[in-house]
Each structure stands twice: as structure tokens, then as C-alpha cells.
Amino acid sequence: MSYTEAEVSAAVVRMDKYRSGLDYEIGTALAVVGLSAERADKERAIRGDMIWIAHQAGASLRQIAEASGLGRRTVTAIVERASARTDS
């Protein structure tokens, strides 16, 4: 794989955000934790959008809960939040 200089610079800036001059090992671990948290947040948002789309397409809350590994109450809350965003 090849990366542009801008992509590498952006990655370094994001890692430095979490490292903040700490001991190398600690700073590296914190950078991985921080970047993983960012990725998890992004994945959670995508999952929420896809749950809402599945529900709009006719999937039942039970079907979505089984497919996502989430409880029906959690799926219901996600669908309701997404519906409230689209209604406003």
C-alpha cells in the first residue's frame, strides 16, 4: 500500500492527540486505544443508520435484534432516535 504525505501527516496528528508526550509505551497504547475508540464510534453510527434503514425496509425489531446481537429494547431505542432525527 502507498499513502500520500497528507495521509501520513493526518495519521501522525491523530496519534499525537492521544500520546501527548507520555512514556513511549504508554503513549503508544493510549494512541491505539484512542484510535480504536474513534473507529468504534464510527462503526456504532453506521450500525445505527443500517438498523434504521432495515426497520424502514420492513424488518421487524426482533429480526434486527437477532442480526445485530443487540437486545430488542436497544434496537427500539436506536430506531426511535433515528426516527426523531429524520422527523425534525
C-alpha atoms as a PDB file:
ATOM      1  CA  MET A   1       0.000   0.000   0.000  1.00  0.00           C
ATOM      2  CA  SER A   2       1.101   3.534  -0.559  1.00  0.00           C
ATOM      3  CA  TYR A   3      -0.026   6.637   1.254  1.00  0.00           C
ATOM      4  CA  THR A   4       0.205  10.299   0.400  1.00  0.00           C
ATOM      5  CA  GLU A   5       2.232  12.591   2.595  1.00  0.00           C
ATOM      6  CA  ALA A   6      -1.000  14.292   3.665  1.00  0.00           C
ATOM      7  CA  GLU A   7      -2.489  10.957   4.804  1.00  0.00           C
ATOM      8  CA  VAL A   8       0.610  10.117   6.828  1.00  0.00           C
ATOM      9  CA  SER A   9       0.671  13.583   8.397  1.00  0.00           C
ATOM     10  CA  ALA A  10      -3.013  13.326   9.332  1.00  0.00           C
ATOM     11  CA  ALA A  11      -2.409   9.923  10.949  1.00  0.00           C
ATOM     12  CA  VAL A  12       0.539  11.251  12.951  1.00  0.00           C
ATOM     13  CA  VAL A  13      -1.519  14.216  14.176  1.00  0.00           C
ATOM     14  CA  ARG A  14      -4.324  11.876  15.277  1.00  0.00           C
ATOM     15  CA  MET A  15      -1.868   9.599  17.115  1.00  0.00           C
ATOM     16  CA  ASP A  16      -0.123  12.542  18.789  1.00  0.00           C
ATOM     17  CA  LYS A  17      -3.512  13.708  20.066  1.00  0.00           C
ATOM     18  CA  TYR A  18      -3.571  10.643  22.333  1.00  0.00           C
ATOM     19  CA  ARG A  19       0.173  10.195  23.017  1.00  0.00           C
ATOM     20  CA  SER A  20       0.734  13.700  24.358  1.00  0.00           C
ATOM     21  CA  GLY A  21       4.414  13.280  25.258  1.00  0.00           C
ATOM     22  CA  LEU A  22       3.963  10.360  27.639  1.00  0.00           C
ATOM     23  CA  ASP A  23       6.358   7.461  28.054  1.00  0.00           C
ATOM     24  CA  TYR A  24       6.688   5.747  24.635  1.00  0.00           C
ATOM     25  CA  GLU A  25       4.950   2.512  25.650  1.00  0.00           C
ATOM     26  CA  ILE A  26       2.104   4.256  27.471  1.00  0.00           C
ATOM     27  CA  GLY A  27       1.712   6.835  24.720  1.00  0.00           C
ATOM     28  CA  THR A  28       1.575   4.149  22.043  1.00  0.00           C
ATOM     29  CA  ALA A  29      -1.006   2.147  23.991  1.00  0.00           C
ATOM     30  CA  LEU A  30      -3.121   5.269  24.508  1.00  0.00           C
ATOM     31  CA  ALA A  31      -2.870   6.117  20.809  1.00  0.00           C
ATOM     32  CA  VAL A  32      -4.187   2.660  19.911  1.00  0.00           C
ATOM     33  CA  VAL A  33      -6.978   2.929  22.487  1.00  0.00           C
ATOM     34  CA  GLY A  34      -7.970   6.401  21.260  1.00  0.00           C
ATOM     35  CA  LEU A  35      -7.922   5.471  17.590  1.00  0.00           C
ATOM     36  CA  SER A  36      -9.878   2.282  18.335  1.00  0.00           C
ATOM     37  CA  ALA A  37     -12.476   4.318  20.210  1.00  0.00           C
ATOM     38  CA  GLU A  38     -12.839   6.659  17.237  1.00  0.00           C
ATOM     39  CA  ARG A  39     -13.330   3.685  14.947  1.00  0.00           C
ATOM     40  CA  ALA A  40     -15.857   2.085  17.317  1.00  0.00           C
ATOM     41  CA  ASP A  41     -17.855   5.335  17.414  1.00  0.00           C
ATOM     42  CA  LYS A  42     -17.903   5.453  13.630  1.00  0.00           C
ATOM     43  CA  GLU A  43     -18.956   1.788  13.394  1.00  0.00           C
ATOM     44  CA  ARG A  44     -21.690   2.359  16.001  1.00  0.00           C
ATOM     45  CA  ALA A  45     -23.067   5.265  13.970  1.00  0.00           C
ATOM     46  CA  ILE A  46     -23.053   3.178  10.786  1.00  0.00           C
ATOM     47  CA  ARG A  47     -24.772   0.293  12.608  1.00  0.00           C
ATOM     48  CA  GLY A  48     -27.441   2.690  13.889  1.00  0.00           C
ATOM     49  CA  ASP A  49     -28.084   4.021  10.401  1.00  0.00           C
ATOM     50  CA  MET A  50     -28.338   0.494   8.999  1.00  0.00           C
ATOM     51  CA  ILE A  51     -30.717  -0.567  11.788  1.00  0.00           C
ATOM     52  CA  TRP A  52     -32.983   2.346  10.925  1.00  0.00           C
ATOM     53  CA  ILE A  53     -32.837   1.524   7.208  1.00  0.00           C
ATOM     54  CA  ALA A  54     -33.601  -2.146   7.886  1.00  0.00           C
ATOM     55  CA  HIS A  55     -36.588  -1.129  10.001  1.00  0.00           C
ATOM     56  CA  GLN A  56     -37.821   1.294   7.332  1.00  0.00           C
ATOM     57  CA  ALA A  57     -37.497  -1.505   4.761  1.00  0.00           C
ATOM     58  CA  GLY A  58     -39.786  -3.708   6.850  1.00  0.00           C
ATOM     59  CA  ALA A  59     -37.523  -5.769   9.084  1.00  0.00           C
ATOM     60  CA  SER A  60     -39.016  -6.458  12.493  1.00  0.00           C
ATOM     61  CA  LEU A  61     -37.317  -5.317  15.667  1.00  0.00           C
ATOM     62  CA  ARG A  62     -36.810  -8.993  16.554  1.00  0.00           C
ATOM     63  CA  GLN A  63     -35.066  -9.684  13.243  1.00  0.00           C
ATOM     64  CA  ILE A  64     -32.816  -6.668  13.653  1.00  0.00           C
ATOM     65  CA  ALA A  65     -32.012  -7.592  17.262  1.00  0.00           C
ATOM     66  CA  GLU A  66     -31.024 -11.121  16.229  1.00  0.00           C
ATOM     67  CA  ALA A  67     -28.886  -9.907  13.329  1.00  0.00           C
ATOM     68  CA  SER A  68     -27.126  -7.212  15.366  1.00  0.00           C
ATOM     69  CA  GLY A  69     -26.669  -9.128  18.596  1.00  0.00           C
ATOM     70  CA  LEU A  70     -28.418  -6.319  20.450  1.00  0.00           C
ATOM     71  CA  GLY A  71     -31.479  -6.540  22.658  1.00  0.00           C
ATOM     72  CA  ARG A  72     -34.878  -5.501  21.326  1.00  0.00           C
ATOM     73  CA  ARG A  73     -35.021  -2.573  23.746  1.00  0.00           C
ATOM     74  CA  THR A  74     -31.706  -1.276  22.417  1.00  0.00           C
ATOM     75  CA  VAL A  75     -32.849  -1.709  18.814  1.00  0.00           C
ATOM     76  CA  THR A  76     -36.126   0.053  19.607  1.00  0.00           C
ATOM     77  CA  ALA A  77     -34.220   2.973  21.165  1.00  0.00           C
ATOM     78  CA  ILE A  78     -31.938   3.225  18.118  1.00  0.00           C
ATOM     79  CA  VAL A  79     -34.907   3.207  15.722  1.00  0.00           C
ATOM     80  CA  GLU A  80     -36.746   5.825  17.802  1.00  0.00           C
ATOM     81  CA  ARG A  81     -33.677   8.105  17.952  1.00  0.00           C
ATOM     82  CA  ALA A  82     -33.148   7.800  14.201  1.00  0.00           C
ATOM     83  CA  SER A  83     -36.821   8.482  13.549  1.00  0.00           C
ATOM     84  CA  ALA A  84     -36.714  11.593  15.746  1.00  0.00           C
ATOM     85  CA  ARG A  85     -33.685  12.889  13.783  1.00  0.00           C
ATOM     86  CA  THR A  86     -35.433  12.418  10.457  1.00  0.00           C
ATOM     87  CA  ASP A  87     -38.717  13.915  11.678  1.00  0.00           C
ATOM     88  CA  SER A  88     -37.133  17.219  12.714  1.00  0.00           C
END
